[in-house]
N, C-alpha and C. Protein backbone atom coordinates (compact mmCIF):
# COMPACT_ATOMS: atom_id res chain seq x y z
N UNK A 1 14.56 -67.56 -98.77
CA UNK A 1 15.80 -67.30 -99.31
C UNK A 1 16.91 -68.50 -98.81
N UNK A 2 17.26 -68.64 -100.52
CA UNK A 2 18.19 -69.86 -100.67
C UNK A 2 19.65 -69.58 -100.46
N UNK A 3 20.34 -70.86 -100.37
CA UNK A 3 21.47 -70.13 -100.27
C UNK A 3 22.58 -70.75 -101.66
N UNK A 4 23.36 -69.62 -101.83
CA UNK A 4 23.96 -70.13 -103.18
C UNK A 4 25.65 -70.00 -102.71
N UNK A 5 26.35 -71.09 -103.12
CA UNK A 5 27.62 -71.46 -103.09
C UNK A 5 28.39 -70.98 -104.09
N UNK A 6 29.28 -69.96 -104.01
CA UNK A 6 30.21 -69.72 -104.90
C UNK A 6 31.76 -69.81 -104.13
N UNK A 7 32.80 -69.02 -105.03
CA UNK A 7 33.78 -68.89 -104.77
C UNK A 7 34.04 -68.31 -103.35
N UNK A 8 33.08 -67.24 -103.05
CA UNK A 8 33.47 -66.78 -101.76
C UNK A 8 33.22 -67.41 -100.47
N UNK A 9 31.64 -67.89 -100.46
CA UNK A 9 31.58 -68.73 -99.83
C UNK A 9 32.16 -70.27 -99.41
N UNK A 10 32.68 -70.75 -100.51
CA UNK A 10 33.85 -71.80 -100.34
C UNK A 10 34.91 -71.54 -100.23
N UNK A 11 35.53 -70.37 -100.01
CA UNK A 11 36.87 -69.87 -99.69
C UNK A 11 36.89 -70.07 -98.10
N UNK A 12 35.60 -68.94 -97.44
CA UNK A 12 35.37 -68.97 -95.93
C UNK A 12 35.10 -70.61 -95.31
N UNK A 13 34.47 -71.09 -95.88
CA UNK A 13 34.45 -72.59 -95.30
C UNK A 13 35.71 -73.09 -94.93
N UNK A 14 36.41 -73.15 -96.38
CA UNK A 14 37.85 -73.69 -96.33
C UNK A 14 38.85 -73.08 -95.19
N UNK A 15 38.56 -71.87 -95.03
CA UNK A 15 39.79 -71.49 -94.15
C UNK A 15 39.24 -71.39 -92.69
N UNK A 16 37.75 -71.85 -92.27
CA UNK A 16 37.51 -72.12 -90.99
C UNK A 16 37.81 -73.65 -90.87
N UNK A 17 37.92 -74.51 -92.10
CA UNK A 17 38.19 -75.93 -91.76
C UNK A 17 39.74 -75.92 -91.44
N UNK A 18 40.75 -75.05 -92.24
CA UNK A 18 41.70 -74.82 -92.07
C UNK A 18 42.24 -74.49 -90.53
N UNK A 19 41.46 -73.42 -90.35
CA UNK A 19 42.10 -73.29 -88.70
C UNK A 19 41.78 -74.20 -88.07
N UNK A 20 40.30 -74.94 -88.03
CA UNK A 20 40.40 -76.05 -86.90
C UNK A 20 41.16 -77.11 -87.05
N UNK A 21 41.61 -77.46 -88.13
CA UNK A 21 42.81 -78.31 -88.66
C UNK A 21 44.10 -77.89 -87.65
N UNK A 22 44.46 -76.60 -87.62
CA UNK A 22 45.53 -76.28 -87.18
C UNK A 22 45.56 -76.39 -85.81
N UNK A 23 44.14 -75.91 -85.10
CA UNK A 23 44.19 -75.99 -83.41
C UNK A 23 44.40 -77.32 -83.15
N UNK A 24 43.72 -78.23 -83.87
CA UNK A 24 43.96 -79.83 -83.82
C UNK A 24 45.63 -80.09 -83.83
N UNK A 25 46.26 -79.76 -84.43
CA UNK A 25 47.67 -80.23 -84.84
C UNK A 25 48.37 -79.52 -83.80
N UNK A 26 48.17 -78.35 -83.39
CA UNK A 26 48.77 -77.72 -82.31
C UNK A 26 48.65 -78.57 -80.79
N UNK A 27 47.07 -78.90 -80.67
CA UNK A 27 47.12 -79.59 -79.19
C UNK A 27 47.86 -81.29 -79.38
N UNK A 28 47.89 -81.40 -81.08
CA UNK A 28 48.58 -82.75 -80.87
C UNK A 28 50.09 -82.72 -80.62
N UNK A 29 50.67 -81.62 -81.16
CA UNK A 29 52.17 -81.48 -80.96
C UNK A 29 52.80 -80.75 -79.91
N UNK A 30 52.10 -80.07 -79.12
CA UNK A 30 52.61 -79.72 -78.14
C UNK A 30 51.98 -79.97 -76.99
N UNK A 31 51.13 -80.43 -76.75
CA UNK A 31 50.27 -80.72 -75.76
C UNK A 31 49.87 -79.45 -74.45
N UNK A 32 50.49 -78.35 -75.20
CA UNK A 32 50.25 -77.14 -74.10
C UNK A 32 48.78 -76.55 -74.46
N UNK A 33 48.37 -76.72 -75.91
CA UNK A 33 47.34 -76.02 -76.32
C UNK A 33 45.83 -76.63 -75.97
N UNK A 34 44.98 -75.87 -75.87
CA UNK A 34 43.79 -76.63 -75.01
C UNK A 34 42.78 -76.43 -76.71
N UNK A 35 42.64 -77.42 -77.24
CA UNK A 35 42.09 -77.84 -78.48
C UNK A 35 40.30 -77.45 -78.32
N UNK A 36 39.79 -77.98 -77.13
CA UNK A 36 38.62 -77.75 -76.89
C UNK A 36 38.08 -75.86 -76.34
N UNK A 37 38.78 -75.53 -76.20
CA UNK A 37 38.81 -74.38 -75.64
C UNK A 37 38.90 -73.32 -76.93
N UNK A 38 39.85 -73.87 -77.68
CA UNK A 38 39.72 -73.03 -79.31
C UNK A 38 38.82 -73.34 -79.75
N UNK A 39 38.58 -74.40 -80.26
CA UNK A 39 37.24 -74.65 -81.08
C UNK A 39 35.91 -73.77 -80.48
N UNK A 40 35.81 -74.00 -79.29
CA UNK A 40 34.78 -72.87 -78.92
C UNK A 40 34.91 -71.63 -79.30
N UNK A 41 36.14 -71.46 -78.66
CA UNK A 41 36.18 -70.00 -79.26
C UNK A 41 35.82 -69.38 -80.60
N UNK A 42 36.64 -70.65 -81.43
CA UNK A 42 36.27 -70.37 -83.00
C UNK A 42 34.79 -70.25 -83.13
N UNK A 43 34.06 -71.36 -82.60
CA UNK A 43 32.95 -71.85 -82.99
C UNK A 43 31.55 -70.07 -82.79
N UNK A 44 32.08 -69.74 -81.60
CA UNK A 44 31.18 -68.67 -81.45
C UNK A 44 31.83 -67.59 -82.04
N UNK A 45 32.85 -67.31 -82.42
CA UNK A 45 33.31 -66.21 -83.45
C UNK A 45 32.72 -66.59 -85.05
N UNK A 46 32.63 -67.41 -85.62
CA UNK A 46 32.08 -67.67 -86.62
C UNK A 46 31.01 -67.86 -86.63
N UNK A 47 29.93 -68.20 -85.55
CA UNK A 47 28.74 -68.17 -85.57
C UNK A 47 28.20 -66.71 -85.72
N UNK A 48 28.75 -65.88 -85.06
CA UNK A 48 28.51 -64.41 -85.18
C UNK A 48 28.73 -63.95 -86.45
N UNK A 49 29.73 -64.27 -86.93
CA UNK A 49 30.28 -64.29 -87.99
C UNK A 49 29.42 -64.71 -89.36
N UNK A 50 28.78 -65.48 -89.54
CA UNK A 50 27.94 -66.65 -90.08
C UNK A 50 26.58 -65.76 -90.02
N UNK A 51 26.31 -65.21 -88.93
CA UNK A 51 24.96 -64.58 -88.47
C UNK A 51 24.86 -63.02 -89.39
N UNK A 52 26.13 -62.49 -89.04
CA UNK A 52 26.11 -61.14 -90.03
C UNK A 52 26.48 -61.22 -91.36
N UNK A 53 26.94 -62.20 -91.64
CA UNK A 53 26.57 -62.90 -93.71
C UNK A 53 25.81 -63.01 -94.02
N UNK A 54 24.90 -63.75 -93.18
CA UNK A 54 23.71 -64.10 -93.63
C UNK A 54 22.75 -62.94 -93.72
N UNK A 55 22.63 -62.15 -92.91
CA UNK A 55 21.80 -60.91 -92.80
C UNK A 55 22.28 -59.82 -93.63
N UNK A 56 23.45 -59.97 -94.22
CA UNK A 56 24.05 -58.61 -94.66
C UNK A 56 24.14 -59.24 -96.06
N UNK A 57 23.54 -60.68 -96.88
CA UNK A 57 22.92 -60.91 -98.10
C UNK A 57 24.41 -61.89 -98.60
N UNK A 58 25.03 -62.24 -97.91
CA UNK A 58 26.66 -63.01 -98.33
C UNK A 58 25.95 -64.37 -99.25
N UNK A 59 25.23 -64.88 -98.50
CA UNK A 59 24.45 -66.25 -99.12
C UNK A 59 23.45 -66.07 -99.78
N UNK A 60 23.04 -65.11 -100.26
CA UNK A 60 22.16 -64.85 -101.16
C UNK A 60 22.28 -65.16 -102.89
N UNK A 61 21.80 -65.21 -103.74
CA UNK A 61 21.83 -64.98 -104.62
C UNK A 61 21.55 -63.68 -105.54
N UNK A 62 22.92 -62.93 -106.18
CA UNK A 62 22.27 -61.77 -106.42
C UNK A 62 22.59 -61.64 -108.24
N UNK A 63 21.08 -61.10 -108.74
CA UNK A 63 21.06 -61.16 -110.10
C UNK A 63 21.38 -59.61 -110.55
N UNK A 64 21.97 -59.74 -111.61
CA UNK A 64 21.93 -57.90 -112.17
C UNK A 64 20.31 -57.77 -113.19
């Protein structure tokens, strides 16, 4: 199985990186936000999401 990265996959990765940047920024400006807990929560969520997408065929090339 090969990974095919087109706009949906790249958009998903960009959104994940934006969420991580928001968590780091929130912690830096307020000091009340736990960036480590948030990153751990996001990583576990995105691991489940990536697994579901992988087995659902989101990363495979579809040829008509």
